Amino acid sequence: MERKCILYHGSQNIIRTPAYGQGNPHNDYGLGFYCTENPELAKEWACTETNSGYANAYDFDAEGLSILDLQNGEYGILNWLAVLLGNRVFRISAGIAEEGRDFLLQRFLPKYRSFDVMIGYRADDSYFSFANAFLNNTLSLRQLEKAMMLGKLGEQVVLRTRKAFERISFREAIVAEKDIYYPKKHSRDAKARYANREERGNVWAADETYLVDILREEWDNHDARLRRNLSE
């Protein structure tokens, strides 16, 4: 992301002045204003099956703001998953899955809460289901990594602090027609789910690494077996 750029927020409403401190605290990266640099993705995110929406466009100046980018070389898929675990609501069975959640939060959660801005992938429904399957030991680490590359994930830019909200200014609201953009969103999700079903094959394959293995072997954030960059 360039320090000065245009951000887009998909919504059912025109939002001229984003309100700091409002919204859903259980979104991917917690409470914040969720945007993207891609207007087409914002249009997809704006639409429902029955309603059109808007890609609200904003000028954004990030100069002097602290930014945590989960897609740079410092972070990998388990860091991303740990952030989700700290914010979103997962269906976690007792035992290994519960222990695995606590382990990932302890070993792989970045210290992100003080940052003004976060950049990372958005866990749409299909991708969130993959993360949930990994947590419940029905999807391997390799399969999770590959699943996250299926379809085209949407990169989101999240404004988290009052200081970041002060750097955004409304440009325009672009109509997103539901007849065009809801089918695109649905197709993206369906393709990812189908490709993931094809990829999974046999559960508990002997040569795969599952969360229970990571837990048993006590991996940490510097383990050489981790692929560092989600964008690779």
C-alpha atoms as a PDB file:
ATOM      1  CA  MET A   1       0.000   0.000   0.000  1.00  0.00           C
ATOM      2  CA  GLU A   2       1.265   3.426  -0.927  1.00  0.00           C
ATOM      3  CA  ARG A   3       1.326   5.990   1.873  1.00  0.00           C
ATOM      4  CA  LYS A   4      -1.181   8.104  -0.066  1.00  0.00           C
ATOM      5  CA  CYS A   5      -3.871   6.065  -1.775  1.00  0.00           C
ATOM      6  CA  ILE A   6      -7.585   5.611  -2.409  1.00  0.00           C
ATOM      7  CA  LEU A   7      -9.412   3.123  -0.207  1.00  0.00           C
ATOM      8  CA  TYR A   8     -12.841   1.609  -0.832  1.00  0.00           C
ATOM      9  CA  HIS A   9     -15.370   0.370   1.695  1.00  0.00           C
ATOM     10  CA  GLY A  10     -18.214  -1.864   0.510  1.00  0.00           C
ATOM     11  CA  SER A  11     -21.508  -1.178   2.252  1.00  0.00           C
ATOM     12  CA  GLN A  12     -25.263  -1.108   1.825  1.00  0.00           C
ATOM     13  CA  ASN A  13     -25.022   2.565   2.768  1.00  0.00           C
ATOM     14  CA  ILE A  14     -23.203   5.720   1.728  1.00  0.00           C
ATOM     15  CA  ILE A  15     -20.731   6.452   4.536  1.00  0.00           C
ATOM     16  CA  ARG A  16     -19.324   9.948   4.285  1.00  0.00           C
ATOM     17  CA  THR A  17     -17.723  10.019   7.727  1.00  0.00           C
ATOM     18  CA  PRO A  18     -16.633   6.650   9.177  1.00  0.00           C
ATOM     19  CA  ALA A  19     -17.255   6.625  12.929  1.00  0.00           C
ATOM     20  CA  TYR A  20     -14.395   5.567  15.173  1.00  0.00           C
ATOM     21  CA  GLY A  21     -15.295   2.948  17.785  1.00  0.00           C
ATOM     22  CA  GLN A  22     -18.356   1.591  15.992  1.00  0.00           C
ATOM     23  CA  GLY A  23     -18.856  -1.705  14.207  1.00  0.00           C
ATOM     24  CA  ASN A  24     -18.453  -5.398  14.946  1.00  0.00           C
ATOM     25  CA  PRO A  25     -15.618  -6.242  17.389  1.00  0.00           C
ATOM     26  CA  HIS A  26     -15.640  -9.833  16.093  1.00  0.00           C
ATOM     27  CA  ASN A  27     -14.453  -9.009  12.581  1.00  0.00           C
ATOM     28  CA  ASP A  28     -11.168 -10.540  11.371  1.00  0.00           C
ATOM     29  CA  TYR A  29      -8.872  -7.984  13.001  1.00  0.00           C
ATOM     30  CA  GLY A  30     -11.224  -6.667  15.653  1.00  0.00           C
ATOM     31  CA  LEU A  31     -12.955  -3.319  15.773  1.00  0.00           C
ATOM     32  CA  GLY A  32     -12.035  -1.031  12.891  1.00  0.00           C
ATOM     33  CA  PHE A  33     -12.988   0.359   9.479  1.00  0.00           C
ATOM     34  CA  TYR A  34     -12.441  -2.329   6.839  1.00  0.00           C
ATOM     35  CA  CYS A  35     -11.414  -1.203   3.363  1.00  0.00           C
ATOM     36  CA  THR A  36      -9.638  -2.402   0.245  1.00  0.00           C
ATOM     37  CA  GLU A  37      -7.616  -0.755  -2.498  1.00  0.00           C
ATOM     38  CA  ASN A  38      -9.593  -2.767  -5.065  1.00  0.00           C
ATOM     39  CA  PRO A  39     -12.907  -1.090  -6.019  1.00  0.00           C
ATOM     40  CA  GLU A  40     -14.205  -4.280  -7.650  1.00  0.00           C
ATOM     41  CA  LEU A  41     -13.777  -6.237  -4.427  1.00  0.00           C
ATOM     42  CA  ALA A  42     -15.477  -3.462  -2.476  1.00  0.00           C
ATOM     43  CA  LYS A  43     -18.446  -3.722  -4.829  1.00  0.00           C
ATOM     44  CA  GLU A  44     -18.649  -7.477  -4.227  1.00  0.00           C
ATOM     45  CA  TRP A  45     -18.517  -6.975  -0.470  1.00  0.00           C
ATOM     46  CA  ALA A  46     -21.245  -4.305  -0.721  1.00  0.00           C
ATOM     47  CA  CYS A  47     -23.920  -6.493  -2.292  1.00  0.00           C
ATOM     48  CA  THR A  48     -26.323  -9.048  -0.937  1.00  0.00           C
ATOM     49  CA  GLU A  49     -28.457 -11.415  -2.958  1.00  0.00           C
ATOM     50  CA  THR A  50     -31.390  -9.011  -2.706  1.00  0.00           C
ATOM     51  CA  ASN A  51     -29.782  -5.570  -2.403  1.00  0.00           C
ATOM     52  CA  SER A  52     -27.295  -3.461  -4.314  1.00  0.00           C
ATOM     53  CA  GLY A  53     -24.773  -1.387  -2.399  1.00  0.00           C
ATOM     54  CA  TYR A  54     -21.967   1.146  -2.659  1.00  0.00           C
ATOM     55  CA  ALA A  55     -18.203   1.171  -2.911  1.00  0.00           C
ATOM     56  CA  ASN A  56     -17.478   4.233  -0.790  1.00  0.00           C
ATOM     57  CA  ALA A  57     -14.217   5.804  -1.966  1.00  0.00           C
ATOM     58  CA  TYR A  58     -11.849   7.727   0.323  1.00  0.00           C
ATOM     59  CA  ASP A  59      -8.534   9.530   0.088  1.00  0.00           C
ATOM     60  CA  PHE A  60      -6.178   8.119   2.703  1.00  0.00           C
ATOM     61  CA  ASP A  61      -2.864   9.498   3.927  1.00  0.00           C
ATOM     62  CA  ALA A  62      -0.928   6.951   6.015  1.00  0.00           C
ATOM     63  CA  GLU A  63       2.166   9.111   6.450  1.00  0.00           C
ATOM     64  CA  GLY A  64       3.386   8.791  10.033  1.00  0.00           C
ATOM     65  CA  LEU A  65       0.980   5.972  10.912  1.00  0.00           C
ATOM     66  CA  SER A  66       2.146   2.625  12.257  1.00  0.00           C
ATOM     67  CA  ILE A  67       1.225  -0.214   9.880  1.00  0.00           C
ATOM     68  CA  LEU A  68       1.294  -3.959  10.466  1.00  0.00           C
ATOM     69  CA  ASP A  69       1.254  -5.866   7.173  1.00  0.00           C
ATOM     70  CA  LEU A  70       0.520  -9.570   7.638  1.00  0.00           C
ATOM     71  CA  GLN A  71       1.608 -10.170   4.058  1.00  0.00           C
ATOM     72  CA  ASN A  72       5.208  -9.111   4.460  1.00  0.00           C
ATOM     73  CA  GLY A  73       7.991 -11.624   5.006  1.00  0.00           C
ATOM     74  CA  GLU A  74       7.774 -11.563   8.801  1.00  0.00           C
ATOM     75  CA  TYR A  75       4.418 -13.310   9.009  1.00  0.00           C
ATOM     76  CA  GLY A  76       2.877 -16.591   7.899  1.00  0.00           C
ATOM     77  CA  ILE A  77      -0.452 -18.338   7.894  1.00  0.00           C
ATOM     78  CA  LEU A  78      -0.362 -19.279  11.581  1.00  0.00           C
ATOM     79  CA  ASN A  79       0.095 -15.601  12.514  1.00  0.00           C
ATOM     80  CA  TRP A  80      -2.960 -14.744  10.417  1.00  0.00           C
ATOM     81  CA  LEU A  81      -4.915 -17.585  12.007  1.00  0.00           C
ATOM     82  CA  ALA A  82      -3.931 -16.481  15.511  1.00  0.00           C
ATOM     83  CA  VAL A  83      -5.289 -12.987  14.811  1.00  0.00           C
ATOM     84  CA  LEU A  84      -8.574 -14.534  13.633  1.00  0.00           C
ATOM     85  CA  LEU A  85      -8.701 -16.683  16.760  1.00  0.00           C
ATOM     86  CA  GLY A  86      -8.318 -13.581  18.892  1.00  0.00           C
ATOM     87  CA  ASN A  87     -11.279 -11.867  17.266  1.00  0.00           C
ATOM     88  CA  ARG A  88     -13.702 -14.124  15.407  1.00  0.00           C
ATOM     89  CA  VAL A  89     -15.973 -16.781  16.895  1.00  0.00           C
ATOM     90  CA  PHE A  90     -14.875 -20.320  16.054  1.00  0.00           C
ATOM     91  CA  ARG A  91     -16.700 -23.608  16.602  1.00  0.00           C
ATOM     92  CA  ILE A  92     -14.119 -25.325  18.767  1.00  0.00           C
ATOM     93  CA  SER A  93     -14.534 -28.827  20.139  1.00  0.00           C
ATOM     94  CA  ALA A  94     -13.105 -29.657  23.547  1.00  0.00           C
ATOM     95  CA  GLY A  95      -9.694 -31.278  23.851  1.00  0.00           C
ATOM     96  CA  ILE A  96      -7.022 -30.888  21.160  1.00  0.00           C
ATOM     97  CA  ALA A  97      -8.801 -28.084  19.287  1.00  0.00           C
ATOM     98  CA  GLU A  98      -9.213 -26.013  22.427  1.00  0.00           C
ATOM     99  CA  GLU A  99      -5.625 -26.648  23.451  1.00  0.00           C
ATOM    100  CA  GLY A 100      -4.490 -25.818  19.921  1.00  0.00           C
ATOM    101  CA  ARG A 101      -6.300 -22.478  19.979  1.00  0.00           C
ATOM    102  CA  ASP A 102      -4.566 -21.492  23.202  1.00  0.00           C
ATOM    103  CA  PHE A 103      -1.202 -22.664  21.819  1.00  0.00           C
ATOM    104  CA  LEU A 104      -1.553 -20.613  18.614  1.00  0.00           C
ATOM    105  CA  LEU A 105      -2.574 -17.526  20.545  1.00  0.00           C
ATOM    106  CA  GLN A 106       0.428 -17.897  22.817  1.00  0.00           C
ATOM    107  CA  ARG A 107       3.043 -18.723  20.165  1.00  0.00           C
ATOM    108  CA  PHE A 108       1.880 -17.006  16.961  1.00  0.00           C
ATOM    109  CA  LEU A 109      -0.260 -13.968  17.809  1.00  0.00           C
ATOM    110  CA  PRO A 110       1.464 -10.764  16.609  1.00  0.00           C
ATOM    111  CA  LYS A 111       1.433  -7.769  18.946  1.00  0.00           C
ATOM    112  CA  TYR A 112      -0.917  -5.879  16.688  1.00  0.00           C
ATOM    113  CA  ARG A 113      -3.226  -3.942  18.973  1.00  0.00           C
ATOM    114  CA  SER A 114      -1.115  -0.792  19.137  1.00  0.00           C
ATOM    115  CA  PHE A 115      -0.903  -0.391  15.346  1.00  0.00           C
ATOM    116  CA  ASP A 116      -2.908   2.295  13.567  1.00  0.00           C
ATOM    117  CA  VAL A 117      -3.460   0.204  10.427  1.00  0.00           C
ATOM    118  CA  MET A 118      -3.458  -3.509   9.603  1.00  0.00           C
ATOM    119  CA  ILE A 119      -3.182  -5.081   6.169  1.00  0.00           C
ATOM    120  CA  GLY A 120      -4.053  -8.697   5.470  1.00  0.00           C
ATOM    121  CA  TYR A 121      -6.408 -11.130   3.820  1.00  0.00           C
ATOM    122  CA  ARG A 122     -10.126 -11.121   4.486  1.00  0.00           C
ATOM    123  CA  ALA A 123     -11.649 -14.344   5.801  1.00  0.00           C
ATOM    124  CA  ASP A 124     -14.749 -14.617   3.634  1.00  0.00           C
ATOM    125  CA  ASP A 125     -17.092 -17.470   4.502  1.00  0.00           C
ATOM    126  CA  SER A 126     -15.232 -20.164   2.567  1.00  0.00           C
ATOM    127  CA  TYR A 127     -11.810 -19.148   3.871  1.00  0.00           C
ATOM    128  CA  PHE A 128     -13.108 -18.924   7.425  1.00  0.00           C
ATOM    129  CA  SER A 129     -14.425 -22.479   7.100  1.00  0.00           C
ATOM    130  CA  PHE A 130     -10.932 -23.638   6.060  1.00  0.00           C
ATOM    131  CA  ALA A 131      -9.408 -22.035   9.152  1.00  0.00           C
ATOM    132  CA  ASN A 132     -12.070 -23.682  11.287  1.00  0.00           C
ATOM    133  CA  ALA A 133     -11.322 -27.098   9.731  1.00  0.00           C
ATOM    134  CA  PHE A 134      -7.603 -26.706  10.447  1.00  0.00           C
ATOM    135  CA  LEU A 135      -8.323 -25.814  14.040  1.00  0.00           C
ATOM    136  CA  ASN A 136     -10.445 -28.947  14.378  1.00  0.00           C
ATOM    137  CA  ASN A 137      -7.726 -31.153  12.800  1.00  0.00           C
ATOM    138  CA  THR A 138      -9.608 -32.040   9.630  1.00  0.00           C
ATOM    139  CA  LEU A 139      -7.374 -29.932   7.363  1.00  0.00           C
ATOM    140  CA  SER A 140      -3.582 -30.080   7.259  1.00  0.00           C
ATOM    141  CA  LEU A 141      -1.223 -27.109   7.331  1.00  0.00           C
ATOM    142  CA  ARG A 142      -0.294 -27.606   3.676  1.00  0.00           C
ATOM    143  CA  GLN A 143      -3.944 -27.883   2.701  1.00  0.00           C
ATOM    144  CA  LEU A 144      -4.764 -24.738   4.661  1.00  0.00           C
ATOM    145  CA  GLU A 145      -1.945 -22.838   2.939  1.00  0.00           C
ATOM    146  CA  LYS A 146      -3.127 -24.025  -0.459  1.00  0.00           C
ATOM    147  CA  ALA A 147      -6.771 -23.323   0.359  1.00  0.00           C
ATOM    148  CA  MET A 148      -5.924 -19.731   1.169  1.00  0.00           C
ATOM    149  CA  MET A 149      -4.548 -19.344  -2.344  1.00  0.00           C
ATOM    150  CA  LEU A 150      -7.654 -20.760  -4.019  1.00  0.00           C
ATOM    151  CA  GLY A 151      -9.732 -18.242  -5.913  1.00  0.00           C
ATOM    152  CA  LYS A 152      -8.507 -14.714  -5.295  1.00  0.00           C
ATOM    153  CA  LEU A 153      -8.400 -13.621  -1.700  1.00  0.00           C
ATOM    154  CA  GLY A 154      -9.309 -10.054  -0.976  1.00  0.00           C
ATOM    155  CA  GLU A 155      -6.674  -7.912   0.682  1.00  0.00           C
ATOM    156  CA  GLN A 156      -8.169  -5.598   3.277  1.00  0.00           C
ATOM    157  CA  VAL A 157      -6.815  -2.463   4.913  1.00  0.00           C
ATOM    158  CA  VAL A 158      -8.182  -1.925   8.409  1.00  0.00           C
ATOM    159  CA  LEU A 159      -8.100   1.460  10.143  1.00  0.00           C
ATOM    160  CA  ARG A 160      -7.907   0.736  13.867  1.00  0.00           C
ATOM    161  CA  THR A 161      -7.162   3.936  15.776  1.00  0.00           C
ATOM    162  CA  ARG A 162      -8.637   7.398  16.045  1.00  0.00           C
ATOM    163  CA  LYS A 163      -5.435   8.743  14.485  1.00  0.00           C
ATOM    164  CA  ALA A 164      -6.010   6.580  11.399  1.00  0.00           C
ATOM    165  CA  PHE A 165      -9.656   7.662  11.129  1.00  0.00           C
ATOM    166  CA  GLU A 166      -8.522  11.278  11.036  1.00  0.00           C
ATOM    167  CA  ARG A 167      -6.533  10.572   7.844  1.00  0.00           C
ATOM    168  CA  ILE A 168      -9.457   9.487   5.683  1.00  0.00           C
ATOM    169  CA  SER A 169     -11.686  11.766   3.622  1.00  0.00           C
ATOM    170  CA  PHE A 170     -14.722  10.907   1.506  1.00  0.00           C
ATOM    171  CA  ARG A 171     -14.475  11.171  -2.305  1.00  0.00           C
ATOM    172  CA  GLU A 172     -17.589   9.513  -3.732  1.00  0.00           C
ATOM    173  CA  ALA A 173     -19.957   6.558  -3.490  1.00  0.00           C
ATOM    174  CA  ILE A 174     -19.950   4.209  -6.487  1.00  0.00           C
ATOM    175  CA  VAL A 175     -23.063   2.112  -7.032  1.00  0.00           C
ATOM    176  CA  ALA A 176     -22.526  -1.667  -6.925  1.00  0.00           C
ATOM    177  CA  GLU A 177     -25.305  -3.443  -8.796  1.00  0.00           C
ATOM    178  CA  LYS A 178     -26.377  -6.661  -7.071  1.00  0.00           C
ATOM    179  CA  ASP A 179     -27.131  -8.373 -10.396  1.00  0.00           C
ATOM    180  CA  ILE A 180     -23.481  -7.949 -11.376  1.00  0.00           C
ATOM    181  CA  TYR A 181     -21.507  -8.152  -8.155  1.00  0.00           C
ATOM    182  CA  TYR A 182     -23.393 -10.637  -5.997  1.00  0.00           C
ATOM    183  CA  PRO A 183     -22.916 -13.408  -8.619  1.00  0.00           C
ATOM    184  CA  LYS A 184     -19.203 -12.550  -8.720  1.00  0.00           C
ATOM    185  CA  LYS A 185     -18.952 -12.862  -4.939  1.00  0.00           C
ATOM    186  CA  HIS A 186     -20.927 -16.106  -4.947  1.00  0.00           C
ATOM    187  CA  SER A 187     -18.809 -17.546  -7.773  1.00  0.00           C
ATOM    188  CA  ARG A 188     -15.569 -16.705  -5.971  1.00  0.00           C
ATOM    189  CA  ASP A 189     -16.765 -18.459  -2.829  1.00  0.00           C
ATOM    190  CA  ALA A 190     -18.129 -21.495  -4.680  1.00  0.00           C
ATOM    191  CA  LYS A 191     -14.907 -21.999  -6.654  1.00  0.00           C
ATOM    192  CA  ALA A 192     -12.828 -21.848  -3.485  1.00  0.00           C
ATOM    193  CA  ARG A 193     -15.048 -24.391  -1.717  1.00  0.00           C
ATOM    194  CA  TYR A 194     -15.000 -26.760  -4.693  1.00  0.00           C
ATOM    195  CA  ALA A 195     -11.238 -26.547  -5.147  1.00  0.00           C
ATOM    196  CA  ASN A 196     -10.739 -27.129  -1.451  1.00  0.00           C
ATOM    197  CA  ARG A 197     -12.893 -30.267  -1.504  1.00  0.00           C
ATOM    198  CA  GLU A 198     -10.770 -31.562  -4.365  1.00  0.00           C
ATOM    199  CA  GLU A 199      -7.570 -30.729  -2.505  1.00  0.00           C
ATOM    200  CA  ARG A 200      -8.422 -32.289   0.835  1.00  0.00           C
ATOM    201  CA  GLY A 201      -8.462 -35.898  -0.354  1.00  0.00           C
ATOM    202  CA  ASN A 202      -7.892 -38.332   2.486  1.00  0.00           C
ATOM    203  CA  VAL A 203      -8.209 -36.913   5.973  1.00  0.00           C
ATOM    204  CA  TRP A 204      -5.289 -37.637   8.260  1.00  0.00           C
ATOM    205  CA  ALA A 205      -2.846 -38.493   5.476  1.00  0.00           C
ATOM    206  CA  ALA A 206       0.359 -39.858   6.993  1.00  0.00           C
ATOM    207  CA  ASP A 207       2.622 -37.339   5.271  1.00  0.00           C
ATOM    208  CA  GLU A 208       0.604 -34.256   6.274  1.00  0.00           C
ATOM    209  CA  THR A 209       1.094 -31.940   9.255  1.00  0.00           C
ATOM    210  CA  TYR A 210      -1.982 -31.185  11.339  1.00  0.00           C
ATOM    211  CA  LEU A 211      -2.511 -28.844  14.248  1.00  0.00           C
ATOM    212  CA  VAL A 212      -2.089 -31.744  16.655  1.00  0.00           C
ATOM    213  CA  ASP A 213       1.417 -32.319  15.225  1.00  0.00           C
ATOM    214  CA  ILE A 214       2.354 -28.648  15.612  1.00  0.00           C
ATOM    215  CA  LEU A 215       1.111 -28.811  19.164  1.00  0.00           C
ATOM    216  CA  ARG A 216       2.940 -32.050  19.957  1.00  0.00           C
ATOM    217  CA  GLU A 217       6.215 -30.841  18.429  1.00  0.00           C
ATOM    218  CA  GLU A 218       5.884 -27.376  20.011  1.00  0.00           C
ATOM    219  CA  TRP A 219       6.512 -25.325  16.879  1.00  0.00           C
ATOM    220  CA  ASP A 220       7.204 -21.654  17.365  1.00  0.00           C
ATOM    221  CA  ASN A 221       7.131 -18.574  15.170  1.00  0.00           C
ATOM    222  CA  HIS A 222      10.671 -19.188  13.868  1.00  0.00           C
ATOM    223  CA  ASP A 223      10.182 -22.793  12.805  1.00  0.00           C
ATOM    224  CA  ALA A 224      11.842 -23.441   9.438  1.00  0.00           C
ATOM    225  CA  ARG A 225       8.901 -25.572   8.335  1.00  0.00           C
ATOM    226  CA  LEU A 226       6.615 -22.548   8.170  1.00  0.00           C
ATOM    227  CA  ARG A 227       6.129 -20.676   4.926  1.00  0.00           C
ATOM    228  CA  ARG A 228       6.564 -17.093   5.985  1.00  0.00           C
ATOM    229  CA  ASN A 229       4.573 -15.124   3.482  1.00  0.00           C
ATOM    230  CA  LEU A 230       0.861 -15.574   2.807  1.00  0.00           C
ATOM    231  CA  SER A 231       1.168 -13.829  -0.555  1.00  0.00           C
ATOM    232  CA  GLU A 232       3.618 -16.374  -2.002  1.00  0.00           C
END
